[in-house]
Amino acid sequence: MISVVVIISANIEWNAIRNIFPNVNLQVSPYGEWFNHKINVRGQSLEVIIFHGGWGKISAAGSAQYVIDLWKPDLLVNLGTCGGFEGEVERGTILLVEQTVVYDIIEQMGDFDEHIAHYSTDIDLSWLGDHYPINVQKTTLASGDRDLLPEDIPDIKARYGAIAGDWESGAIAFVAARNQTKLLILRGVSDLVAPGGGEAYGNIALFREAAEAIMKRLVDTLPAWIYKFIEYKNGINP
């Protein structure tokens, strides 16, 4: 049987997970809480580890390496939210991340593009084939240790082709690639950022409500995504 670890990053996303799974036996790691949960995958019971990795690139990278070293998962999954660029994506869209870019590097001594490329990661999704369990939009996701600044969005779109941003995906993807661990990142667009600002900026209740709905949807569809990976491991062509 395959081993799957699901990393949840932001605290509000983890609170949503705790509401979905209220009666679990919580364990504690250096990064946050975690628990085992059995899910039904096409009639098979599969125990997965659901792990709070923490917000931001530092916690994301450290916790990703921690779970890979400890459990050596066949598949690492990151479920969460992101901020979308108004006019490029609709609120509530689920993004299937095929590339991550760490956009908040500021390099003034050497080659800026070289440094950006070093922390950019292409995610191998060939095991999924062309048919997905739910409607998703494949995209590049921009990661930075800050909320999106409206004035930065035109440059991020032009340089990287991203349509949304978050705080953790770039670090998780980088670590997974260095460990040759298969990775699935699914992020739901919780709010939009426009030239006038972000609709959740100063309105955390909006983000909290959106995160609850997104995390519930992602958890509900998790067995179907895992089944795609089981088929791949069993040599069934996607």
C-alpha atoms as a PDB file:
ATOM      1  CA  MET A   1       0.000   0.000   0.000  1.00  0.00           C
ATOM      2  CA  ILE A   2       1.209   3.493  -0.771  1.00  0.00           C
ATOM      3  CA  SER A   3       2.179   6.108   1.807  1.00  0.00           C
ATOM      4  CA  VAL A   4       0.581   9.559   1.590  1.00  0.00           C
ATOM      5  CA  VAL A   5       1.282  12.674   3.662  1.00  0.00           C
ATOM      6  CA  VAL A   6      -0.946  15.728   3.340  1.00  0.00           C
ATOM      7  CA  ILE A   7       0.577  19.045   4.376  1.00  0.00           C
ATOM      8  CA  ILE A   8      -1.669  21.942   5.388  1.00  0.00           C
ATOM      9  CA  SER A   9       0.122  25.275   5.678  1.00  0.00           C
ATOM     10  CA  ALA A  10      -1.718  28.339   6.993  1.00  0.00           C
ATOM     11  CA  ASN A  11      -3.206  28.409  10.485  1.00  0.00           C
ATOM     12  CA  ILE A  12      -6.685  29.272   9.218  1.00  0.00           C
ATOM     13  CA  GLU A  13      -6.495  26.358   6.767  1.00  0.00           C
ATOM     14  CA  TRP A  14      -5.503  24.066   9.639  1.00  0.00           C
ATOM     15  CA  ASN A  15      -8.395  25.354  11.757  1.00  0.00           C
ATOM     16  CA  ALA A  16     -10.696  24.405   8.883  1.00  0.00           C
ATOM     17  CA  ILE A  17      -9.179  20.904   8.880  1.00  0.00           C
ATOM     18  CA  ARG A  18      -9.723  20.626  12.634  1.00  0.00           C
ATOM     19  CA  ASN A  19     -13.398  21.506  12.094  1.00  0.00           C
ATOM     20  CA  ILE A  20     -13.685  18.820   9.411  1.00  0.00           C
ATOM     21  CA  PHE A  21     -12.006  16.228  11.662  1.00  0.00           C
ATOM     22  CA  PRO A  22     -13.060  17.191  15.220  1.00  0.00           C
ATOM     23  CA  ASN A  23     -12.426  13.875  16.987  1.00  0.00           C
ATOM     24  CA  VAL A  24      -8.947  12.830  15.888  1.00  0.00           C
ATOM     25  CA  ASN A  25      -6.001  11.819  18.051  1.00  0.00           C
ATOM     26  CA  LEU A  26      -3.665  14.779  17.667  1.00  0.00           C
ATOM     27  CA  GLN A  27       0.091  14.370  17.782  1.00  0.00           C
ATOM     28  CA  VAL A  28       2.633  17.195  17.973  1.00  0.00           C
ATOM     29  CA  SER A  29       5.723  17.821  15.824  1.00  0.00           C
ATOM     30  CA  PRO A  30       8.278  20.650  15.918  1.00  0.00           C
ATOM     31  CA  TYR A  31       6.101  22.397  13.304  1.00  0.00           C
ATOM     32  CA  GLY A  32       2.555  21.795  14.485  1.00  0.00           C
ATOM     33  CA  GLU A  33      -0.137  19.197  15.051  1.00  0.00           C
ATOM     34  CA  TRP A  34      -0.747  16.105  12.936  1.00  0.00           C
ATOM     35  CA  PHE A  35      -2.953  13.039  12.925  1.00  0.00           C
ATOM     36  CA  ASN A  36      -3.581   9.775  11.127  1.00  0.00           C
ATOM     37  CA  HIS A  37      -6.829   9.410   9.227  1.00  0.00           C
ATOM     38  CA  LYS A  38      -8.238   6.460   7.317  1.00  0.00           C
ATOM     39  CA  ILE A  39      -9.931   7.325   4.044  1.00  0.00           C
ATOM     40  CA  ASN A  40     -11.891   5.134   1.694  1.00  0.00           C
ATOM     41  CA  VAL A  41     -10.289   4.942  -1.741  1.00  0.00           C
ATOM     42  CA  ARG A  42     -12.551   2.947  -4.057  1.00  0.00           C
ATOM     43  CA  GLY A  43     -13.383   0.457  -1.312  1.00  0.00           C
ATOM     44  CA  GLN A  44      -9.858   0.273   0.088  1.00  0.00           C
ATOM     45  CA  SER A  45      -8.993   1.741   3.471  1.00  0.00           C
ATOM     46  CA  LEU A  46      -5.873   3.883   3.282  1.00  0.00           C
ATOM     47  CA  GLU A  47      -4.303   5.591   6.272  1.00  0.00           C
ATOM     48  CA  VAL A  48      -2.948   9.035   5.455  1.00  0.00           C
ATOM     49  CA  ILE A  49      -1.069  11.491   7.644  1.00  0.00           C
ATOM     50  CA  ILE A  50      -2.492  15.013   7.782  1.00  0.00           C
ATOM     51  CA  PHE A  51       0.171  17.427   8.983  1.00  0.00           C
ATOM     52  CA  HIS A  52       0.188  21.112   9.880  1.00  0.00           C
ATOM     53  CA  GLY A  53       3.382  22.365   8.285  1.00  0.00           C
ATOM     54  CA  GLY A  54       3.018  26.053   9.142  1.00  0.00           C
ATOM     55  CA  TRP A  55       2.855  29.298   7.175  1.00  0.00           C
ATOM     56  CA  GLY A  56       5.634  30.929   5.167  1.00  0.00           C
ATOM     57  CA  LYS A  57       8.625  29.565   3.287  1.00  0.00           C
ATOM     58  CA  ILE A  58      10.730  28.705   6.336  1.00  0.00           C
ATOM     59  CA  SER A  59       8.138  26.487   8.002  1.00  0.00           C
ATOM     60  CA  ALA A  60       7.025  25.092   4.645  1.00  0.00           C
ATOM     61  CA  ALA A  61      10.524  23.970   3.657  1.00  0.00           C
ATOM     62  CA  GLY A  62      11.413  22.650   7.104  1.00  0.00           C
ATOM     63  CA  SER A  63       8.187  20.722   7.579  1.00  0.00           C
ATOM     64  CA  ALA A  64       8.298  19.268   4.067  1.00  0.00           C
ATOM     65  CA  GLN A  65      11.770  17.882   4.711  1.00  0.00           C
ATOM     66  CA  TYR A  66      10.668  16.673   8.147  1.00  0.00           C
ATOM     67  CA  VAL A  67       7.756  14.590   6.829  1.00  0.00           C
ATOM     68  CA  ILE A  68       9.820  13.233   3.934  1.00  0.00           C
ATOM     69  CA  ASP A  69      12.598  12.117   6.286  1.00  0.00           C
ATOM     70  CA  LEU A  70      10.194  10.668   8.856  1.00  0.00           C
ATOM     71  CA  TRP A  71       7.587   8.927   6.695  1.00  0.00           C
ATOM     72  CA  LYS A  72       9.192   8.709   3.226  1.00  0.00           C
ATOM     73  CA  PRO A  73       5.834   9.212   1.476  1.00  0.00           C
ATOM     74  CA  ASP A  74       5.213   7.922  -2.020  1.00  0.00           C
ATOM     75  CA  LEU A  75       3.055  10.991  -2.527  1.00  0.00           C
ATOM     76  CA  LEU A  76       3.212  14.363  -0.798  1.00  0.00           C
ATOM     77  CA  VAL A  77       0.056  16.465  -1.080  1.00  0.00           C
ATOM     78  CA  ASN A  78      -0.337  20.146  -0.252  1.00  0.00           C
ATOM     79  CA  LEU A  79      -3.922  21.388   0.085  1.00  0.00           C
ATOM     80  CA  GLY A  80      -4.653  25.044   0.695  1.00  0.00           C
ATOM     81  CA  THR A  81      -5.740  28.443  -0.516  1.00  0.00           C
ATOM     82  CA  CYS A  82      -4.242  31.223  -2.609  1.00  0.00           C
ATOM     83  CA  GLY A  83      -4.949  34.746  -3.719  1.00  0.00           C
ATOM     84  CA  GLY A  84      -5.980  35.122  -7.343  1.00  0.00           C
ATOM     85  CA  PHE A  85      -5.238  37.937  -9.779  1.00  0.00           C
ATOM     86  CA  GLU A  86      -8.504  39.668 -10.643  1.00  0.00           C
ATOM     87  CA  GLY A  87      -9.306  39.230 -14.328  1.00  0.00           C
ATOM     88  CA  GLU A  88      -7.153  36.106 -14.625  1.00  0.00           C
ATOM     89  CA  VAL A  89      -9.017  33.619 -12.425  1.00  0.00           C
ATOM     90  CA  GLU A  90     -12.346  33.356 -10.629  1.00  0.00           C
ATOM     91  CA  ARG A  91     -12.792  33.107  -6.889  1.00  0.00           C
ATOM     92  CA  GLY A  92     -13.361  29.476  -5.869  1.00  0.00           C
ATOM     93  CA  THR A  93     -11.330  28.013  -8.761  1.00  0.00           C
ATOM     94  CA  ILE A  94      -9.188  25.040  -7.787  1.00  0.00           C
ATOM     95  CA  LEU A  95      -5.662  25.378  -9.136  1.00  0.00           C
ATOM     96  CA  LEU A  96      -3.575  22.348 -10.033  1.00  0.00           C
ATOM     97  CA  VAL A  97      -0.035  23.666  -9.692  1.00  0.00           C
ATOM     98  CA  GLU A  98       2.406  22.569 -12.376  1.00  0.00           C
ATOM     99  CA  GLN A  99       5.144  25.088 -11.619  1.00  0.00           C
ATOM    100  CA  THR A 100       6.107  27.269  -8.665  1.00  0.00           C
ATOM    101  CA  VAL A 101       8.139  30.475  -8.713  1.00  0.00           C
ATOM    102  CA  VAL A 102       9.558  32.240  -5.658  1.00  0.00           C
ATOM    103  CA  TYR A 103       8.993  35.799  -6.840  1.00  0.00           C
ATOM    104  CA  ASP A 104      10.111  37.842  -3.811  1.00  0.00           C
ATOM    105  CA  ILE A 105      13.863  37.345  -4.269  1.00  0.00           C
ATOM    106  CA  ILE A 106      15.698  40.669  -4.567  1.00  0.00           C
ATOM    107  CA  GLU A 107      19.125  40.208  -6.162  1.00  0.00           C
ATOM    108  CA  GLN A 108      21.332  43.264  -6.746  1.00  0.00           C
ATOM    109  CA  MET A 109      24.798  41.704  -7.034  1.00  0.00           C
ATOM    110  CA  GLY A 110      24.393  38.928  -9.579  1.00  0.00           C
ATOM    111  CA  ASP A 111      21.974  37.655 -12.226  1.00  0.00           C
ATOM    112  CA  PHE A 112      18.390  38.137 -11.034  1.00  0.00           C
ATOM    113  CA  ASP A 113      16.918  35.659 -13.527  1.00  0.00           C
ATOM    114  CA  GLU A 114      19.459  33.007 -12.514  1.00  0.00           C
ATOM    115  CA  HIS A 115      18.451  33.305  -8.879  1.00  0.00           C
ATOM    116  CA  ILE A 116      14.746  33.140  -9.706  1.00  0.00           C
ATOM    117  CA  ALA A 117      15.353  30.054 -11.850  1.00  0.00           C
ATOM    118  CA  HIS A 118      17.223  28.327  -9.008  1.00  0.00           C
ATOM    119  CA  TYR A 119      14.131  28.318  -6.788  1.00  0.00           C
ATOM    120  CA  SER A 120      11.595  27.688  -9.563  1.00  0.00           C
ATOM    121  CA  THR A 121      10.257  24.146  -9.703  1.00  0.00           C
ATOM    122  CA  ASP A 122       8.467  22.215 -12.424  1.00  0.00           C
ATOM    123  CA  ILE A 123       6.152  19.621 -10.877  1.00  0.00           C
ATOM    124  CA  ASP A 124       5.819  16.276 -12.659  1.00  0.00           C
ATOM    125  CA  LEU A 125       2.088  15.662 -13.091  1.00  0.00           C
ATOM    126  CA  SER A 126       2.391  13.060 -15.850  1.00  0.00           C
ATOM    127  CA  TRP A 127       1.014  10.394 -13.489  1.00  0.00           C
ATOM    128  CA  LEU A 128      -2.348  12.199 -13.493  1.00  0.00           C
ATOM    129  CA  GLY A 129      -2.922  11.860 -17.211  1.00  0.00           C
ATOM    130  CA  ASP A 130      -5.359  14.249 -18.874  1.00  0.00           C
ATOM    131  CA  HIS A 131      -8.504  13.546 -16.864  1.00  0.00           C
ATOM    132  CA  TYR A 132      -8.879  14.924 -13.357  1.00  0.00           C
ATOM    133  CA  PRO A 133     -11.337  14.077 -10.573  1.00  0.00           C
ATOM    134  CA  ILE A 134     -12.688  17.657 -10.512  1.00  0.00           C
ATOM    135  CA  ASN A 135     -12.481  20.730 -12.707  1.00  0.00           C
ATOM    136  CA  VAL A 136      -9.140  22.430 -12.122  1.00  0.00           C
ATOM    137  CA  GLN A 137      -6.999  25.042 -13.795  1.00  0.00           C
ATOM    138  CA  LYS A 138      -3.360  24.105 -14.305  1.00  0.00           C
ATOM    139  CA  THR A 139      -1.045  27.019 -13.677  1.00  0.00           C
ATOM    140  CA  THR A 140       2.147  28.481 -12.316  1.00  0.00           C
ATOM    141  CA  LEU A 141       1.805  29.669  -8.726  1.00  0.00           C
ATOM    142  CA  ALA A 142       3.901  32.534  -7.393  1.00  0.00           C
ATOM    143  CA  SER A 143       5.161  32.153  -3.812  1.00  0.00           C
ATOM    144  CA  GLY A 144       6.502  34.848  -1.518  1.00  0.00           C
ATOM    145  CA  ASP A 145       6.754  35.561   2.188  1.00  0.00           C
ATOM    146  CA  ARG A 146       4.145  38.309   1.995  1.00  0.00           C
ATOM    147  CA  ASP A 147       0.670  38.985   0.741  1.00  0.00           C
ATOM    148  CA  LEU A 148       0.454  40.017  -2.884  1.00  0.00           C
ATOM    149  CA  LEU A 149       1.017  43.710  -3.549  1.00  0.00           C
ATOM    150  CA  PRO A 150      -1.344  44.967  -6.273  1.00  0.00           C
ATOM    151  CA  GLU A 151       1.455  46.942  -7.950  1.00  0.00           C
ATOM    152  CA  ASP A 152       3.576  43.768  -8.325  1.00  0.00           C
ATOM    153  CA  ILE A 153       0.926  41.737 -10.137  1.00  0.00           C
ATOM    154  CA  PRO A 154       1.502  43.003 -13.718  1.00  0.00           C
ATOM    155  CA  ASP A 155       5.204  42.090 -13.479  1.00  0.00           C
ATOM    156  CA  ILE A 156       4.494  38.682 -11.916  1.00  0.00           C
ATOM    157  CA  LYS A 157       2.023  37.891 -14.710  1.00  0.00           C
ATOM    158  CA  ALA A 158       4.365  39.072 -17.449  1.00  0.00           C
ATOM    159  CA  ARG A 159       7.508  37.375 -16.126  1.00  0.00           C
ATOM    160  CA  TYR A 160       6.137  34.047 -14.931  1.00  0.00           C
ATOM    161  CA  GLY A 161       2.635  33.566 -16.335  1.00  0.00           C
ATOM    162  CA  ALA A 162       1.250  33.140 -12.822  1.00  0.00           C
ATOM    163  CA  ILE A 163      -2.403  33.846 -12.073  1.00  0.00           C
ATOM    164  CA  ALA A 164      -2.303  33.508  -8.278  1.00  0.00           C
ATOM    165  CA  GLY A 165       0.047  33.598  -5.330  1.00  0.00           C
ATOM    166  CA  ASP A 166       0.600  32.018  -1.936  1.00  0.00           C
ATOM    167  CA  TRP A 167       3.253  31.812   0.780  1.00  0.00           C
ATOM    168  CA  GLU A 168       4.356  28.150   0.811  1.00  0.00           C
ATOM    169  CA  SER A 169       4.040  26.224  -2.463  1.00  0.00           C
ATOM    170  CA  GLY A 170       7.415  27.289  -3.833  1.00  0.00           C
ATOM    171  CA  ALA A 171       9.260  25.970  -0.790  1.00  0.00           C
ATOM    172  CA  ILE A 172       7.324  22.703  -0.656  1.00  0.00           C
ATOM    173  CA  ALA A 173       7.850  22.045  -4.360  1.00  0.00           C
ATOM    174  CA  PHE A 174      11.573  22.820  -4.119  1.00  0.00           C
ATOM    175  CA  VAL A 175      12.083  20.384  -1.237  1.00  0.00           C
ATOM    176  CA  ALA A 176       9.967  17.631  -2.823  1.00  0.00           C
ATOM    177  CA  ALA A 177      11.929  17.890  -6.073  1.00  0.00           C
ATOM    178  CA  ARG A 178      15.274  17.685  -4.263  1.00  0.00           C
ATOM    179  CA  ASN A 179      14.062  14.501  -2.558  1.00  0.00           C
ATOM    180  CA  GLN A 180      12.551  13.060  -5.764  1.00  0.00           C
ATOM    181  CA  THR A 181       9.178  12.803  -4.020  1.00  0.00           C
ATOM    182  CA  LYS A 182       6.011  12.898  -6.091  1.00  0.00           C
ATOM    183  CA  LEU A 183       3.992  16.012  -5.294  1.00  0.00           C
ATOM    184  CA  LEU A 184       0.435  17.204  -5.764  1.00  0.00           C
ATOM    185  CA  ILE A 185      -0.440  20.827  -4.953  1.00  0.00           C
ATOM    186  CA  LEU A 186      -4.093  21.863  -5.038  1.00  0.00           C
ATOM    187  CA  ARG A 187      -4.921  25.427  -4.038  1.00  0.00           C
ATOM    188  CA  GLY A 188      -8.334  27.050  -4.080  1.00  0.00           C
ATOM    189  CA  VAL A 189      -8.657  30.755  -4.879  1.00  0.00           C
ATOM    190  CA  SER A 190     -10.020  32.235  -1.666  1.00  0.00           C
ATOM    191  CA  ASP A 191      -9.900  35.907  -2.641  1.00  0.00           C
ATOM    192  CA  LEU A 192      -8.872  38.219  -5.462  1.00  0.00           C
ATOM    193  CA  VAL A 193      -6.292  40.984  -5.610  1.00  0.00           C
ATOM    194  CA  ALA A 194      -6.870  43.935  -7.945  1.00  0.00           C
ATOM    195  CA  PRO A 195      -5.144  47.271  -8.608  1.00  0.00           C
ATOM    196  CA  GLY A 196      -7.221  48.800  -5.820  1.00  0.00           C
ATOM    197  CA  GLY A 197      -6.144  46.196  -3.257  1.00  0.00           C
ATOM    198  CA  GLY A 198      -7.074  42.761  -1.995  1.00  0.00           C
ATOM    199  CA  GLU A 199     -10.659  41.994  -1.063  1.00  0.00           C
ATOM    200  CA  ALA A 200      -9.514  40.013   1.998  1.00  0.00           C
ATOM    201  CA  TYR A 201      -6.989  42.619   3.140  1.00  0.00           C
ATOM    202  CA  GLY A 202      -8.361  43.991   6.380  1.00  0.00           C
ATOM    203  CA  ASN A 203     -11.234  41.500   6.144  1.00  0.00           C
ATOM    204  CA  ILE A 204      -9.878  38.258   7.552  1.00  0.00           C
ATOM    205  CA  ALA A 205     -13.417  36.962   8.104  1.00  0.00           C
ATOM    206  CA  LEU A 206     -13.819  36.745   4.321  1.00  0.00           C
ATOM    207  CA  PHE A 207     -10.654  34.669   4.054  1.00  0.00           C
ATOM    208  CA  ARG A 208     -11.689  32.428   6.935  1.00  0.00           C
ATOM    209  CA  GLU A 209     -15.100  31.707   5.391  1.00  0.00           C
ATOM    210  CA  ALA A 210     -13.609  31.006   1.971  1.00  0.00           C
ATOM    211  CA  ALA A 211     -10.916  28.772   3.459  1.00  0.00           C
ATOM    212  CA  GLU A 212     -13.512  26.665   5.273  1.00  0.00           C
ATOM    213  CA  ALA A 213     -15.346  25.964   2.020  1.00  0.00           C
ATOM    214  CA  ILE A 214     -12.199  25.338  -0.015  1.00  0.00           C
ATOM    215  CA  MET A 215     -10.625  22.965   2.495  1.00  0.00           C
ATOM    216  CA  LYS A 216     -13.866  20.974   2.769  1.00  0.00           C
ATOM    217  CA  ARG A 217     -14.007  20.603  -1.004  1.00  0.00           C
ATOM    218  CA  LEU A 218     -10.359  19.578  -1.278  1.00  0.00           C
ATOM    219  CA  VAL A 219     -10.668  17.006   1.512  1.00  0.00           C
ATOM    220  CA  ASP A 220     -13.805  15.550  -0.084  1.00  0.00           C
ATOM    221  CA  THR A 221     -11.993  15.016  -3.395  1.00  0.00           C
ATOM    222  CA  LEU A 222      -8.714  13.760  -1.890  1.00  0.00           C
ATOM    223  CA  PRO A 223      -9.590  10.034  -2.262  1.00  0.00           C
ATOM    224  CA  ALA A 224     -10.121  10.469  -6.005  1.00  0.00           C
ATOM    225  CA  TRP A 225      -6.736  12.140  -6.459  1.00  0.00           C
ATOM    226  CA  ILE A 226      -5.036   9.413  -4.431  1.00  0.00           C
ATOM    227  CA  TYR A 227      -6.748   6.759  -6.543  1.00  0.00           C
ATOM    228  CA  LYS A 228      -5.146   8.313  -9.635  1.00  0.00           C
ATOM    229  CA  PHE A 229      -1.764   7.833  -7.947  1.00  0.00           C
ATOM    230  CA  ILE A 230      -2.568   4.229  -7.016  1.00  0.00           C
ATOM    231  CA  GLU A 231      -3.407   3.505 -10.658  1.00  0.00           C
ATOM    232  CA  TYR A 232      -0.093   5.033 -11.680  1.00  0.00           C
ATOM    233  CA  LYS A 233       1.817   2.921  -9.138  1.00  0.00           C
ATOM    234  CA  ASN A 234       0.018  -0.194 -10.385  1.00  0.00           C
ATOM    235  CA  GLY A 235       1.098   0.516 -13.939  1.00  0.00           C
ATOM    236  CA  ILE A 236      -2.322   1.561 -15.209  1.00  0.00           C
ATOM    237  CA  ASN A 237      -1.892   4.154 -17.941  1.00  0.00           C
ATOM    238  CA  PRO A 238      -3.530   7.457 -16.976  1.00  0.00           C
END
